[in-house]
Amino acid sequence: MTGTPAELDAVTRTLTAAAYISQVSDRHPLTGVDAGRYRVFLRLALATTADTSPRQPDPVPGCQGGVLIDLDTARAARRTARKESSSA
């Protein structure tokens, strides 16, 4: 992880709630434009469950599904629009 001391502390607390942190390195200060920030290496242990079925994403509230977009057609239309606008 990379961040300020406060950011590193906050992320470490959050990860502790979700996993077991088995090792934390010393804070290595960064230099240059990243002065005041530190790099920390963590080793996490996550508990797994016996259920290995893929998890379905939670539905988005108010979303009834959407229209599928043909990406090849959308890209072709975008290229055409760029060519027309650049020659004008």
N, C-alpha and C. Protein backbone atom coordinates (compact mmCIF):
# COMPACT_ATOMS: atom_id res chain seq x y z
N MET A 1 0.84 -1.15 0.00
CA MET A 1 0.00 0.00 0.00
C MET A 1 0.90 1.23 0.00
N THR A 2 0.38 2.29 -0.56
CA THR A 2 1.10 3.55 -0.57
C THR A 2 0.14 4.65 -0.14
N GLY A 3 0.58 5.52 0.75
CA GLY A 3 -0.26 6.63 1.18
C GLY A 3 0.34 7.38 2.35
N THR A 4 -0.43 8.33 2.82
CA THR A 4 -0.02 9.08 4.00
C THR A 4 -0.20 8.18 5.22
N PRO A 5 0.42 8.53 6.34
CA PRO A 5 0.24 7.71 7.55
C PRO A 5 -1.24 7.51 7.93
N ALA A 6 -2.04 8.55 7.81
CA ALA A 6 -3.47 8.44 8.14
C ALA A 6 -4.17 7.49 7.17
N GLU A 7 -3.85 7.57 5.87
CA GLU A 7 -4.46 6.68 4.88
C GLU A 7 -4.07 5.23 5.14
N LEU A 8 -2.80 5.01 5.44
CA LEU A 8 -2.33 3.65 5.71
C LEU A 8 -3.00 3.07 6.95
N ASP A 9 -3.16 3.89 7.98
CA ASP A 9 -3.84 3.43 9.19
C ASP A 9 -5.30 3.07 8.90
N ALA A 10 -5.98 3.90 8.12
CA ALA A 10 -7.38 3.65 7.79
C ALA A 10 -7.54 2.38 6.97
N VAL A 11 -6.69 2.18 5.99
CA VAL A 11 -6.79 0.98 5.16
C VAL A 11 -6.45 -0.26 5.97
N THR A 12 -5.48 -0.17 6.84
CA THR A 12 -5.12 -1.31 7.68
C THR A 12 -6.28 -1.69 8.59
N ARG A 13 -6.96 -0.70 9.18
CA ARG A 13 -8.14 -0.99 10.01
C ARG A 13 -9.23 -1.66 9.18
N THR A 14 -9.46 -1.17 7.97
CA THR A 14 -10.49 -1.74 7.11
C THR A 14 -10.15 -3.18 6.73
N LEU A 15 -8.91 -3.41 6.36
CA LEU A 15 -8.50 -4.77 5.99
C LEU A 15 -8.54 -5.71 7.17
N THR A 16 -8.26 -5.22 8.36
CA THR A 16 -8.32 -6.05 9.56
C THR A 16 -9.74 -6.55 9.79
N ALA A 17 -10.73 -5.76 9.43
CA ALA A 17 -12.12 -6.18 9.59
C ALA A 17 -12.49 -7.27 8.60
N ALA A 18 -11.82 -7.33 7.45
CA ALA A 18 -12.17 -8.29 6.41
C ALA A 18 -11.23 -9.50 6.36
N ALA A 19 -10.02 -9.37 6.87
CA ALA A 19 -9.04 -10.44 6.76
C ALA A 19 -8.09 -10.40 7.95
N TYR A 20 -7.30 -11.43 8.06
CA TYR A 20 -6.28 -11.49 9.10
C TYR A 20 -4.98 -10.99 8.49
N ILE A 21 -4.39 -9.97 9.08
CA ILE A 21 -3.11 -9.44 8.60
C ILE A 21 -2.01 -10.19 9.32
N SER A 22 -1.29 -11.03 8.58
CA SER A 22 -0.27 -11.86 9.20
C SER A 22 1.10 -11.19 9.26
N GLN A 23 1.31 -10.17 8.43
CA GLN A 23 2.60 -9.48 8.45
C GLN A 23 2.44 -8.07 7.91
N VAL A 24 3.12 -7.13 8.56
CA VAL A 24 3.15 -5.74 8.10
C VAL A 24 4.61 -5.30 8.09
N SER A 25 5.05 -4.75 6.97
CA SER A 25 6.42 -4.28 6.88
C SER A 25 6.57 -2.93 7.57
N ASP A 26 7.82 -2.50 7.71
CA ASP A 26 8.08 -1.15 8.18
C ASP A 26 7.59 -0.16 7.13
N ARG A 27 7.33 1.05 7.54
CA ARG A 27 6.94 2.09 6.58
C ARG A 27 8.18 2.64 5.90
N HIS A 28 8.17 2.59 4.58
CA HIS A 28 9.28 3.08 3.79
C HIS A 28 8.91 4.45 3.23
N PRO A 29 9.60 5.51 3.63
CA PRO A 29 9.25 6.85 3.14
C PRO A 29 9.57 7.00 1.66
N LEU A 30 8.67 7.65 0.94
CA LEU A 30 8.87 7.93 -0.47
C LEU A 30 9.49 9.31 -0.62
N THR A 31 10.09 9.56 -1.75
CA THR A 31 10.77 10.84 -1.97
C THR A 31 10.22 11.52 -3.21
N GLY A 32 10.72 12.70 -3.49
CA GLY A 32 10.30 13.45 -4.67
C GLY A 32 8.90 13.98 -4.52
N VAL A 33 8.09 13.83 -5.57
CA VAL A 33 6.72 14.35 -5.53
C VAL A 33 5.85 13.59 -4.54
N ASP A 34 6.31 12.41 -4.11
CA ASP A 34 5.56 11.61 -3.13
C ASP A 34 6.07 11.80 -1.71
N ALA A 35 6.84 12.85 -1.47
CA ALA A 35 7.36 13.10 -0.12
C ALA A 35 6.18 13.24 0.85
N GLY A 36 6.30 12.64 2.02
CA GLY A 36 5.21 12.67 2.99
C GLY A 36 4.33 11.44 2.89
N ARG A 37 4.58 10.62 1.88
CA ARG A 37 3.83 9.37 1.72
C ARG A 37 4.76 8.21 2.02
N TYR A 38 4.17 7.06 2.33
CA TYR A 38 4.95 5.89 2.71
C TYR A 38 4.45 4.67 1.96
N ARG A 39 5.31 3.67 1.84
CA ARG A 39 4.94 2.39 1.24
C ARG A 39 5.01 1.33 2.33
N VAL A 40 3.97 0.50 2.41
CA VAL A 40 3.90 -0.58 3.39
C VAL A 40 3.49 -1.85 2.64
N PHE A 41 4.12 -2.94 3.00
CA PHE A 41 3.78 -4.23 2.41
C PHE A 41 3.02 -5.05 3.45
N LEU A 42 1.89 -5.62 3.05
CA LEU A 42 1.06 -6.42 3.95
C LEU A 42 0.95 -7.84 3.43
N ARG A 43 0.80 -8.76 4.35
CA ARG A 43 0.48 -10.14 3.99
C ARG A 43 -0.85 -10.45 4.66
N LEU A 44 -1.85 -10.79 3.83
CA LEU A 44 -3.20 -11.04 4.33
C LEU A 44 -3.54 -12.51 4.25
N ALA A 45 -4.36 -12.96 5.17
CA ALA A 45 -4.91 -14.31 5.14
C ALA A 45 -6.42 -14.18 5.11
N LEU A 46 -7.03 -14.64 4.03
CA LEU A 46 -8.48 -14.56 3.89
C LEU A 46 -9.10 -15.92 4.17
N ALA A 47 -10.20 -15.93 4.87
CA ALA A 47 -10.93 -17.17 5.11
C ALA A 47 -11.82 -17.44 3.90
N THR A 48 -11.83 -18.69 3.48
CA THR A 48 -12.70 -19.06 2.37
C THR A 48 -13.83 -19.91 2.90
N THR A 49 -14.91 -19.95 2.16
CA THR A 49 -16.06 -20.76 2.55
C THR A 49 -16.10 -22.01 1.69
N ALA A 50 -16.88 -22.98 2.11
CA ALA A 50 -17.03 -24.22 1.35
C ALA A 50 -17.79 -23.99 0.07
N ASP A 51 -18.65 -22.97 0.03
CA ASP A 51 -19.43 -22.67 -1.17
C ASP A 51 -18.53 -21.98 -2.19
N THR A 52 -18.25 -22.66 -3.29
CA THR A 52 -17.38 -22.09 -4.31
C THR A 52 -18.15 -21.65 -5.54
N SER A 53 -19.48 -21.56 -5.44
CA SER A 53 -20.27 -21.11 -6.59
C SER A 53 -20.00 -19.63 -6.84
N PRO A 54 -19.99 -19.22 -8.11
CA PRO A 54 -19.72 -17.81 -8.39
C PRO A 54 -20.80 -16.92 -7.81
N ARG A 55 -20.40 -15.82 -7.24
CA ARG A 55 -21.34 -14.89 -6.61
C ARG A 55 -21.92 -13.97 -7.67
N GLN A 56 -23.20 -13.84 -7.68
CA GLN A 56 -23.88 -12.93 -8.59
C GLN A 56 -23.82 -11.53 -8.01
N PRO A 57 -23.56 -10.52 -8.86
CA PRO A 57 -23.51 -9.16 -8.33
C PRO A 57 -24.88 -8.73 -7.81
N ASP A 58 -24.87 -7.89 -6.80
CA ASP A 58 -26.12 -7.37 -6.25
C ASP A 58 -26.80 -6.51 -7.30
N PRO A 59 -28.12 -6.61 -7.41
CA PRO A 59 -28.82 -5.78 -8.40
C PRO A 59 -28.74 -4.31 -8.02
N VAL A 60 -28.67 -3.47 -9.02
CA VAL A 60 -28.64 -2.03 -8.80
C VAL A 60 -30.06 -1.57 -8.54
N PRO A 61 -30.32 -0.86 -7.43
CA PRO A 61 -31.69 -0.42 -7.14
C PRO A 61 -32.25 0.45 -8.26
N GLY A 62 -33.46 0.16 -8.66
CA GLY A 62 -34.13 0.96 -9.68
C GLY A 62 -33.70 0.62 -11.10
N CYS A 63 -32.83 -0.35 -11.26
CA CYS A 63 -32.35 -0.71 -12.60
C CYS A 63 -33.12 -1.93 -13.09
N GLN A 64 -33.81 -1.79 -14.19
CA GLN A 64 -34.60 -2.88 -14.74
C GLN A 64 -33.87 -3.57 -15.89
N GLY A 65 -32.61 -3.31 -16.06
CA GLY A 65 -31.88 -3.87 -17.18
C GLY A 65 -31.71 -2.80 -18.23
N GLY A 66 -30.94 -3.09 -19.21
CA GLY A 66 -30.67 -2.08 -20.23
C GLY A 66 -30.62 -2.70 -21.60
N VAL A 67 -30.35 -1.87 -22.56
CA VAL A 67 -30.27 -2.30 -23.94
C VAL A 67 -28.84 -2.71 -24.23
N LEU A 68 -28.68 -3.84 -24.90
CA LEU A 68 -27.34 -4.25 -25.30
C LEU A 68 -26.88 -3.38 -26.46
N ILE A 69 -25.62 -3.02 -26.45
CA ILE A 69 -25.07 -2.17 -27.49
C ILE A 69 -24.12 -3.00 -28.34
N ASP A 70 -24.24 -2.89 -29.65
CA ASP A 70 -23.31 -3.53 -30.57
C ASP A 70 -22.06 -2.66 -30.61
N LEU A 71 -21.00 -3.11 -29.95
CA LEU A 71 -19.80 -2.29 -29.82
C LEU A 71 -19.11 -2.06 -31.16
N ASP A 72 -19.13 -3.05 -32.05
CA ASP A 72 -18.49 -2.86 -33.36
C ASP A 72 -19.17 -1.73 -34.13
N THR A 73 -20.50 -1.69 -34.11
CA THR A 73 -21.25 -0.63 -34.79
C THR A 73 -20.98 0.71 -34.14
N ALA A 74 -20.95 0.75 -32.81
CA ALA A 74 -20.70 2.01 -32.11
C ALA A 74 -19.30 2.53 -32.41
N ARG A 75 -18.31 1.65 -32.46
CA ARG A 75 -16.95 2.08 -32.78
C ARG A 75 -16.85 2.60 -34.20
N ALA A 76 -17.50 1.92 -35.14
CA ALA A 76 -17.47 2.36 -36.54
C ALA A 76 -18.12 3.74 -36.67
N ALA A 77 -19.21 3.97 -35.97
CA ALA A 77 -19.89 5.26 -36.02
C ALA A 77 -19.01 6.35 -35.40
N ARG A 78 -18.30 6.00 -34.35
CA ARG A 78 -17.43 6.97 -33.69
C ARG A 78 -16.26 7.35 -34.62
N ARG A 79 -15.68 6.36 -35.30
CA ARG A 79 -14.58 6.65 -36.23
C ARG A 79 -15.06 7.55 -37.36
N THR A 80 -16.26 7.28 -37.87
CA THR A 80 -16.80 8.08 -38.95
C THR A 80 -17.03 9.53 -38.49
N ALA A 81 -17.55 9.71 -37.30
CA ALA A 81 -17.78 11.04 -36.76
C ALA A 81 -16.48 11.79 -36.57
N ARG A 82 -15.43 11.13 -36.15
CA ARG A 82 -14.15 11.79 -35.97
C ARG A 82 -13.58 12.24 -37.31
N LYS A 83 -13.69 11.39 -38.32
CA LYS A 83 -13.16 11.76 -39.63
C LYS A 83 -13.88 12.96 -40.20
N GLU A 84 -15.22 12.97 -40.03
CA GLU A 84 -15.99 14.09 -40.56
C GLU A 84 -15.68 15.37 -39.80
N SER A 85 -15.53 15.30 -38.49
CA SER A 85 -15.30 16.52 -37.71
C SER A 85 -13.87 17.05 -37.92
N SER A 86 -12.89 16.17 -38.17
CA SER A 86 -11.52 16.65 -38.33
C SER A 86 -11.31 17.31 -39.68
N SER A 87 -12.09 16.96 -40.70
CA SER A 87 -11.91 17.56 -42.03
C SER A 87 -12.66 18.87 -42.16
N ALA A 88 -13.55 19.18 -41.23
CA ALA A 88 -14.36 20.40 -41.31
C ALA A 88 -13.61 21.60 -40.84
